[in-house]
N, C-alpha and C. Protein backbone atom coordinates (compact mmCIF):
# COMPACT_ATOMS: atom_id res chain seq x y z
N MET A 1 -25.78 76.02 42.15
CA MET A 1 -25.17 77.27 42.42
C MET A 1 -23.72 77.20 41.96
N PRO A 2 -23.22 78.25 41.31
CA PRO A 2 -21.76 78.28 40.73
C PRO A 2 -20.85 78.11 41.94
N ARG A 3 -19.70 77.54 41.73
CA ARG A 3 -18.74 77.30 42.78
C ARG A 3 -18.23 78.63 43.23
N TRP A 4 -17.98 79.70 42.50
CA TRP A 4 -17.46 80.89 42.93
C TRP A 4 -18.48 81.62 43.90
N ALA A 5 -19.81 81.44 43.56
CA ALA A 5 -20.89 82.02 44.54
C ALA A 5 -20.93 81.36 45.86
N LEU A 6 -20.69 79.96 45.88
CA LEU A 6 -20.74 79.12 47.06
C LEU A 6 -19.50 79.72 47.91
N THR A 7 -18.34 79.77 47.26
CA THR A 7 -17.06 80.12 47.87
C THR A 7 -17.14 81.45 48.53
N THR A 8 -17.82 82.45 47.80
CA THR A 8 -17.94 83.87 48.23
C THR A 8 -18.97 83.83 49.46
N ALA A 9 -20.04 83.12 49.48
CA ALA A 9 -20.92 82.97 50.55
C ALA A 9 -20.34 82.42 51.76
N THR A 10 -19.46 81.43 51.43
CA THR A 10 -18.82 80.62 52.69
C THR A 10 -17.93 81.68 53.32
N LEU A 11 -17.10 82.34 52.48
CA LEU A 11 -16.16 83.33 53.04
C LEU A 11 -16.78 84.43 53.78
N PHE A 12 -17.94 84.93 53.33
CA PHE A 12 -18.70 86.04 53.91
C PHE A 12 -19.19 85.54 55.24
N LEU A 13 -19.78 84.37 55.40
CA LEU A 13 -20.30 83.80 56.63
C LEU A 13 -19.08 83.58 57.58
N ALA A 14 -17.95 83.07 57.09
CA ALA A 14 -16.80 82.89 58.04
C ALA A 14 -16.36 84.23 58.71
N LEU A 15 -16.22 85.27 57.77
CA LEU A 15 -15.78 86.69 58.27
C LEU A 15 -16.93 87.14 59.24
N LEU A 16 -18.10 86.97 59.00
CA LEU A 16 -19.26 87.46 59.85
C LEU A 16 -19.11 86.75 61.25
N LEU A 17 -18.84 85.36 61.18
CA LEU A 17 -18.71 84.73 62.47
C LEU A 17 -17.43 85.09 63.19
N VAL A 18 -16.40 85.28 62.43
CA VAL A 18 -15.16 85.89 63.21
C VAL A 18 -15.46 87.19 63.85
N ALA A 19 -16.09 87.96 63.12
CA ALA A 19 -16.44 89.46 63.52
C ALA A 19 -17.36 89.40 64.80
N CYS A 20 -18.34 88.50 64.84
CA CYS A 20 -19.21 88.39 65.93
C CYS A 20 -18.56 87.84 67.17
N GLN A 21 -17.69 86.90 67.01
CA GLN A 21 -17.10 86.31 68.15
C GLN A 21 -16.00 87.23 68.71
N GLY A 22 -15.55 88.16 67.79
CA GLY A 22 -14.53 89.11 68.31
C GLY A 22 -15.09 90.21 69.17
N MET A 23 -16.44 90.30 69.06
CA MET A 23 -17.14 91.35 69.89
C MET A 23 -16.98 91.01 71.46
N GLY A 24 -17.11 89.75 71.74
CA GLY A 24 -17.19 89.26 73.08
C GLY A 24 -18.26 90.00 73.80
N ARG A 25 -17.88 90.35 75.05
CA ARG A 25 -19.06 90.92 75.99
C ARG A 25 -19.17 92.33 75.71
N HIS A 26 -18.32 92.96 74.95
CA HIS A 26 -18.50 94.42 74.62
C HIS A 26 -19.03 94.56 73.21
N ALA A 27 -20.14 95.23 72.90
CA ALA A 27 -20.60 95.51 71.63
C ALA A 27 -19.62 96.70 71.10
N PRO A 28 -19.39 96.69 69.81
CA PRO A 28 -18.45 97.56 69.25
C PRO A 28 -19.04 99.01 69.32
N THR A 29 -20.35 99.12 69.35
CA THR A 29 -20.94 100.45 69.59
C THR A 29 -22.05 100.35 70.51
N GLY A 30 -22.46 101.49 71.07
CA GLY A 30 -23.76 101.50 71.96
C GLY A 30 -23.34 101.24 73.39
N PHE A 31 -24.08 100.54 74.12
CA PHE A 31 -24.04 100.39 75.65
C PHE A 31 -22.58 100.14 76.15
N ARG A 32 -22.24 100.98 77.22
CA ARG A 32 -20.89 100.57 77.95
C ARG A 32 -21.23 100.90 79.44
N LEU A 33 -20.66 99.94 80.14
CA LEU A 33 -20.50 100.31 81.72
C LEU A 33 -19.01 100.52 82.04
N PRO A 34 -18.90 101.33 83.11
CA PRO A 34 -17.55 101.52 83.59
C PRO A 34 -16.90 100.15 83.90
N PRO A 35 -15.56 99.98 84.02
CA PRO A 35 -14.96 98.74 84.38
C PRO A 35 -15.50 98.36 85.84
N GLY A 36 -15.75 97.03 85.99
CA GLY A 36 -16.31 96.58 87.25
C GLY A 36 -15.18 95.75 87.93
N ASP A 37 -15.40 95.38 89.28
CA ASP A 37 -14.58 94.63 89.99
C ASP A 37 -15.36 93.32 90.31
N ALA A 38 -14.77 92.13 89.82
CA ALA A 38 -15.68 90.94 89.92
C ALA A 38 -15.78 90.46 91.46
N GLU A 39 -14.78 90.72 92.25
CA GLU A 39 -14.88 90.36 93.72
C GLU A 39 -15.83 91.28 94.38
N ALA A 40 -15.88 92.48 94.02
CA ALA A 40 -16.95 93.46 94.76
C ALA A 40 -18.27 93.06 94.09
N GLY A 41 -18.35 92.67 92.97
CA GLY A 41 -19.57 92.11 92.30
C GLY A 41 -20.19 90.96 93.10
N LYS A 42 -19.22 89.95 93.41
CA LYS A 42 -19.67 88.80 94.11
C LYS A 42 -20.30 89.14 95.51
N ALA A 43 -19.58 90.07 96.17
CA ALA A 43 -20.04 90.71 97.45
C ALA A 43 -21.35 91.29 97.27
N ALA A 44 -21.56 92.13 96.26
CA ALA A 44 -22.73 92.83 96.01
C ALA A 44 -24.01 91.88 95.72
N PHE A 45 -23.67 90.68 94.99
CA PHE A 45 -24.52 89.79 94.66
C PHE A 45 -25.15 89.18 96.04
N VAL A 46 -24.34 88.87 96.97
CA VAL A 46 -24.92 88.39 98.20
C VAL A 46 -25.58 89.50 99.06
N GLU A 47 -24.92 90.69 99.06
CA GLU A 47 -25.50 91.77 99.90
C GLU A 47 -26.83 92.12 99.40
N LEU A 48 -27.13 92.16 98.03
CA LEU A 48 -28.40 92.45 97.49
C LEU A 48 -29.42 91.25 97.44
N LYS A 49 -28.84 90.26 97.99
CA LYS A 49 -29.72 88.88 98.19
C LYS A 49 -30.12 88.26 96.79
N CYS A 50 -29.21 88.48 95.83
CA CYS A 50 -29.44 87.85 94.53
C CYS A 50 -29.35 86.26 94.74
N ASN A 51 -28.43 85.89 95.69
CA ASN A 51 -28.38 84.44 95.94
C ASN A 51 -29.49 83.70 96.53
N GLY A 52 -30.53 84.57 96.83
CA GLY A 52 -31.83 84.03 97.39
C GLY A 52 -32.55 83.16 96.33
N CYS A 53 -32.38 83.61 95.05
CA CYS A 53 -33.05 83.04 93.96
C CYS A 53 -32.09 82.49 92.89
N HIS A 54 -30.86 82.76 92.93
CA HIS A 54 -29.94 82.44 91.84
C HIS A 54 -28.67 81.65 92.52
N THR A 55 -28.29 80.65 91.75
CA THR A 55 -26.91 80.08 92.00
C THR A 55 -26.05 80.52 90.91
N VAL A 56 -24.77 80.45 91.03
CA VAL A 56 -23.89 80.82 89.95
C VAL A 56 -22.91 79.71 89.74
N LYS A 57 -22.88 79.14 88.63
CA LYS A 57 -22.17 77.92 88.26
C LYS A 57 -20.71 78.17 88.66
N GLY A 58 -20.16 77.17 89.45
CA GLY A 58 -18.74 77.16 89.90
C GLY A 58 -18.44 78.15 91.04
N VAL A 59 -19.40 78.82 91.50
CA VAL A 59 -19.14 79.81 92.62
C VAL A 59 -19.81 79.39 93.93
N GLU A 60 -19.12 79.24 95.01
CA GLU A 60 -19.67 78.88 96.30
C GLU A 60 -20.16 80.11 96.94
N MET A 61 -21.40 80.09 97.43
CA MET A 61 -22.08 81.23 98.26
C MET A 61 -23.25 80.63 98.89
N PRO A 62 -23.88 81.41 99.82
CA PRO A 62 -24.91 80.90 100.58
C PRO A 62 -26.07 80.38 99.69
N ALA A 63 -26.74 79.20 100.16
CA ALA A 63 -27.74 78.56 99.29
C ALA A 63 -29.03 79.41 99.09
N PRO A 64 -29.67 79.24 97.97
CA PRO A 64 -30.86 80.00 97.62
C PRO A 64 -31.98 79.50 98.61
N THR A 65 -32.93 80.38 98.83
CA THR A 65 -34.01 80.09 99.66
C THR A 65 -35.39 79.87 98.85
N ALA A 66 -35.27 80.43 97.59
CA ALA A 66 -36.60 80.28 96.68
C ALA A 66 -36.81 79.03 96.27
N THR A 67 -38.18 78.78 95.87
CA THR A 67 -38.58 77.49 95.37
C THR A 67 -38.09 77.23 93.98
N GLN A 68 -38.08 78.35 93.12
CA GLN A 68 -37.63 78.26 91.82
C GLN A 68 -36.29 78.93 91.78
N VAL A 69 -35.10 78.21 91.52
CA VAL A 69 -33.83 78.70 91.41
C VAL A 69 -33.33 78.73 90.08
N VAL A 70 -32.78 79.87 89.63
CA VAL A 70 -32.17 80.08 88.35
C VAL A 70 -30.69 80.22 88.43
N GLU A 71 -30.01 79.24 87.71
CA GLU A 71 -28.56 79.16 87.72
C GLU A 71 -28.13 80.17 86.68
N LEU A 72 -27.06 80.87 87.05
CA LEU A 72 -26.39 81.85 86.10
C LEU A 72 -24.98 81.25 85.85
N GLY A 73 -24.37 81.78 84.93
CA GLY A 73 -23.00 81.38 84.49
C GLY A 73 -22.93 80.15 83.64
N GLY A 74 -21.66 79.62 83.48
CA GLY A 74 -21.53 78.42 82.72
C GLY A 74 -21.18 78.68 81.28
N ALA A 75 -20.95 77.65 80.53
CA ALA A 75 -20.62 77.72 79.08
C ALA A 75 -21.87 77.90 78.35
N LYS A 76 -21.86 78.87 77.42
CA LYS A 76 -23.01 79.11 76.53
C LYS A 76 -22.60 79.37 75.10
N VAL A 77 -23.31 79.07 74.16
CA VAL A 77 -23.02 79.25 72.64
C VAL A 77 -22.72 80.74 72.58
N LEU A 78 -23.70 81.63 73.00
CA LEU A 78 -23.51 83.09 72.94
C LEU A 78 -23.58 83.60 74.29
N PRO A 79 -22.62 83.74 75.14
CA PRO A 79 -22.67 84.34 76.48
C PRO A 79 -23.27 85.75 76.43
N PRO A 80 -23.85 86.23 77.59
CA PRO A 80 -24.53 87.48 77.49
C PRO A 80 -23.53 88.68 77.43
N THR A 81 -23.89 89.77 76.85
CA THR A 81 -23.15 90.94 76.77
C THR A 81 -23.32 91.70 78.01
N ASP A 82 -22.55 92.75 78.27
CA ASP A 82 -22.69 93.62 79.34
C ASP A 82 -24.13 94.17 79.39
N GLY A 83 -24.69 94.63 78.11
CA GLY A 83 -25.93 95.06 77.99
C GLY A 83 -27.06 94.12 78.35
N ASP A 84 -26.83 92.90 77.86
CA ASP A 84 -27.80 91.84 78.25
C ASP A 84 -27.87 91.73 79.87
N LEU A 85 -26.79 91.53 80.49
CA LEU A 85 -26.88 91.37 81.90
C LEU A 85 -27.46 92.64 82.62
N THR A 86 -26.98 93.78 82.20
CA THR A 86 -27.70 94.95 82.88
C THR A 86 -29.15 95.08 82.66
N THR A 87 -29.52 94.75 81.41
CA THR A 87 -31.02 94.70 81.17
C THR A 87 -31.69 93.65 82.03
N ASP A 88 -31.05 92.51 82.17
CA ASP A 88 -31.68 91.46 83.09
C ASP A 88 -31.86 91.96 84.50
N ILE A 89 -30.91 92.64 84.97
CA ILE A 89 -30.89 93.10 86.31
C ILE A 89 -31.92 94.32 86.60
N ILE A 90 -31.91 95.26 85.71
CA ILE A 90 -32.74 96.53 85.97
C ILE A 90 -34.20 96.49 85.29
N LEU A 91 -34.24 95.50 84.27
CA LEU A 91 -35.56 95.45 83.59
C LEU A 91 -35.80 93.91 83.37
N PRO A 92 -35.98 93.10 84.32
CA PRO A 92 -36.05 91.58 84.28
C PRO A 92 -37.27 91.21 83.43
N ASN A 93 -38.27 91.99 83.16
CA ASN A 93 -39.48 91.69 82.42
C ASN A 93 -39.23 91.89 80.92
N SER A 94 -38.12 92.45 80.55
CA SER A 94 -37.98 92.83 79.13
C SER A 94 -37.79 91.61 78.21
N HIS A 95 -37.04 90.65 78.68
CA HIS A 95 -36.83 89.51 77.77
C HIS A 95 -36.64 88.27 78.65
N PHE A 96 -37.48 88.14 79.60
CA PHE A 96 -37.34 87.15 80.73
C PHE A 96 -37.86 85.87 80.13
N ALA A 97 -37.14 84.73 80.49
CA ALA A 97 -37.57 83.45 79.97
C ALA A 97 -39.02 83.10 80.51
N THR A 98 -39.87 82.61 79.60
CA THR A 98 -41.27 82.43 80.11
C THR A 98 -41.49 81.37 81.18
N GLN A 99 -40.63 80.39 81.31
CA GLN A 99 -40.71 79.46 82.44
C GLN A 99 -40.40 80.04 83.75
N TRP A 100 -39.96 81.26 83.85
CA TRP A 100 -39.62 81.91 85.15
C TRP A 100 -40.46 82.99 85.44
N LYS A 101 -41.57 83.13 84.71
CA LYS A 101 -42.57 84.19 85.01
C LYS A 101 -43.23 83.92 86.28
N GLY A 102 -43.48 85.01 87.09
CA GLY A 102 -44.15 84.90 88.32
C GLY A 102 -45.71 85.05 88.17
N THR A 103 -46.40 85.46 89.15
CA THR A 103 -47.76 85.81 89.04
C THR A 103 -48.06 87.01 88.08
N GLY A 104 -49.14 86.93 87.32
CA GLY A 104 -49.38 87.98 86.36
C GLY A 104 -48.57 88.14 85.19
N GLY A 105 -47.73 87.05 85.06
CA GLY A 105 -46.77 87.21 83.85
C GLY A 105 -45.59 87.92 84.07
N LYS A 106 -45.39 88.44 85.27
CA LYS A 106 -44.17 89.30 85.60
C LYS A 106 -43.11 88.39 86.22
N SER A 107 -41.92 88.98 86.10
CA SER A 107 -40.71 88.31 86.72
C SER A 107 -40.88 88.42 88.19
N PRO A 108 -40.49 87.43 88.93
CA PRO A 108 -40.46 87.47 90.40
C PRO A 108 -39.36 88.17 91.03
N MET A 109 -38.45 88.66 89.99
CA MET A 109 -37.22 89.35 90.45
C MET A 109 -37.60 90.74 90.84
N PRO A 110 -37.16 91.28 92.04
CA PRO A 110 -37.59 92.65 92.53
C PRO A 110 -36.99 93.72 91.73
N ASP A 111 -37.60 94.95 91.79
CA ASP A 111 -37.11 96.07 91.10
C ASP A 111 -35.83 96.62 91.80
N PHE A 112 -34.74 96.59 91.14
CA PHE A 112 -33.56 97.05 91.69
C PHE A 112 -33.19 98.54 91.25
N THR A 113 -34.00 99.08 90.45
CA THR A 113 -33.70 100.37 89.77
C THR A 113 -33.40 101.55 90.83
N SER A 114 -33.95 101.56 92.01
CA SER A 114 -33.64 102.61 93.03
C SER A 114 -32.82 102.12 94.14
N VAL A 115 -32.34 100.78 93.97
CA VAL A 115 -31.53 100.19 95.01
C VAL A 115 -30.03 100.06 94.58
N VAL A 116 -29.85 99.72 93.37
CA VAL A 116 -28.47 99.41 92.89
C VAL A 116 -27.77 100.61 92.39
N THR A 117 -26.56 100.82 92.83
CA THR A 117 -25.79 101.99 92.36
C THR A 117 -25.02 101.54 90.97
N ILE A 118 -24.68 102.59 90.23
CA ILE A 118 -23.97 102.27 89.10
C ILE A 118 -22.64 101.43 89.38
N ARG A 119 -22.07 101.72 90.43
CA ARG A 119 -20.76 101.02 90.80
C ARG A 119 -21.08 99.53 91.11
N GLN A 120 -22.22 99.39 91.85
CA GLN A 120 -22.60 97.97 92.01
C GLN A 120 -22.96 97.28 90.88
N LEU A 121 -23.81 97.88 89.99
CA LEU A 121 -24.21 97.32 88.61
C LEU A 121 -22.96 96.88 87.85
N ALA A 122 -21.98 97.77 87.77
CA ALA A 122 -20.70 97.53 86.95
C ALA A 122 -19.99 96.27 87.62
N ASP A 123 -19.91 96.38 88.88
CA ASP A 123 -19.30 95.20 89.64
C ASP A 123 -20.04 93.89 89.46
N LEU A 124 -21.35 93.93 89.62
CA LEU A 124 -22.20 92.70 89.37
C LEU A 124 -21.94 92.18 88.00
N VAL A 125 -21.95 92.96 87.03
CA VAL A 125 -21.80 92.53 85.71
C VAL A 125 -20.53 91.91 85.44
N ALA A 126 -19.50 92.54 86.05
CA ALA A 126 -18.14 92.07 85.92
C ALA A 126 -18.01 90.62 86.60
N PHE A 127 -18.65 90.56 87.74
CA PHE A 127 -18.67 89.26 88.42
C PHE A 127 -19.39 88.26 87.50
N LEU A 128 -20.56 88.48 87.01
CA LEU A 128 -21.35 87.49 86.20
C LEU A 128 -20.61 87.19 84.95
N GLN A 129 -20.02 88.21 84.40
CA GLN A 129 -19.25 87.93 83.05
C GLN A 129 -18.02 86.92 83.41
N SER A 130 -17.45 87.01 84.57
CA SER A 130 -16.40 86.05 84.87
C SER A 130 -16.86 84.58 85.14
N THR A 131 -18.11 84.38 85.12
CA THR A 131 -18.63 83.02 85.37
C THR A 131 -19.18 82.48 83.99
N TYR A 132 -19.18 83.22 82.92
CA TYR A 132 -19.69 82.64 81.65
C TYR A 132 -18.40 82.27 80.77
N GLY A 133 -18.61 81.31 79.92
CA GLY A 133 -17.58 80.84 78.89
C GLY A 133 -18.31 80.46 77.70
N ILE A 134 -17.65 80.08 76.62
CA ILE A 134 -18.12 79.75 75.45
C ILE A 134 -17.96 78.34 75.26
N VAL A 135 -19.12 77.69 74.73
CA VAL A 135 -19.17 76.20 74.53
C VAL A 135 -18.17 76.02 73.34
N LYS A 136 -17.35 75.01 73.53
CA LYS A 136 -16.26 74.71 72.48
C LYS A 136 -16.77 73.43 71.78
């Protein structure tokens, strides 16, 4: 491969990586939530009994009671976006990890679509976002 082509390809990939990292939790277009309150989100997490099946890395709250516990938060190569977290909350079967499937191949997570308000959803997502970081 000619040196100029390798340099061009490397520059393109570097710019693409910088652009993707600059997006952070908000996609440049598409899905948006209203600003949330992380403290209110932590309260909603407990109120909605999310802590029955989930722990959140670095956050103290009542212990889970489920036999299969899923830890949320922590350092990730690609932390979830607001859209990822919202989808996981309201449609947990959409791209749920196969090791957490319950009976019938469905997520054991309850349906929150008629329970969670938009305010609670925005606050939950803000809370969860505050617990994720990027692996360095």
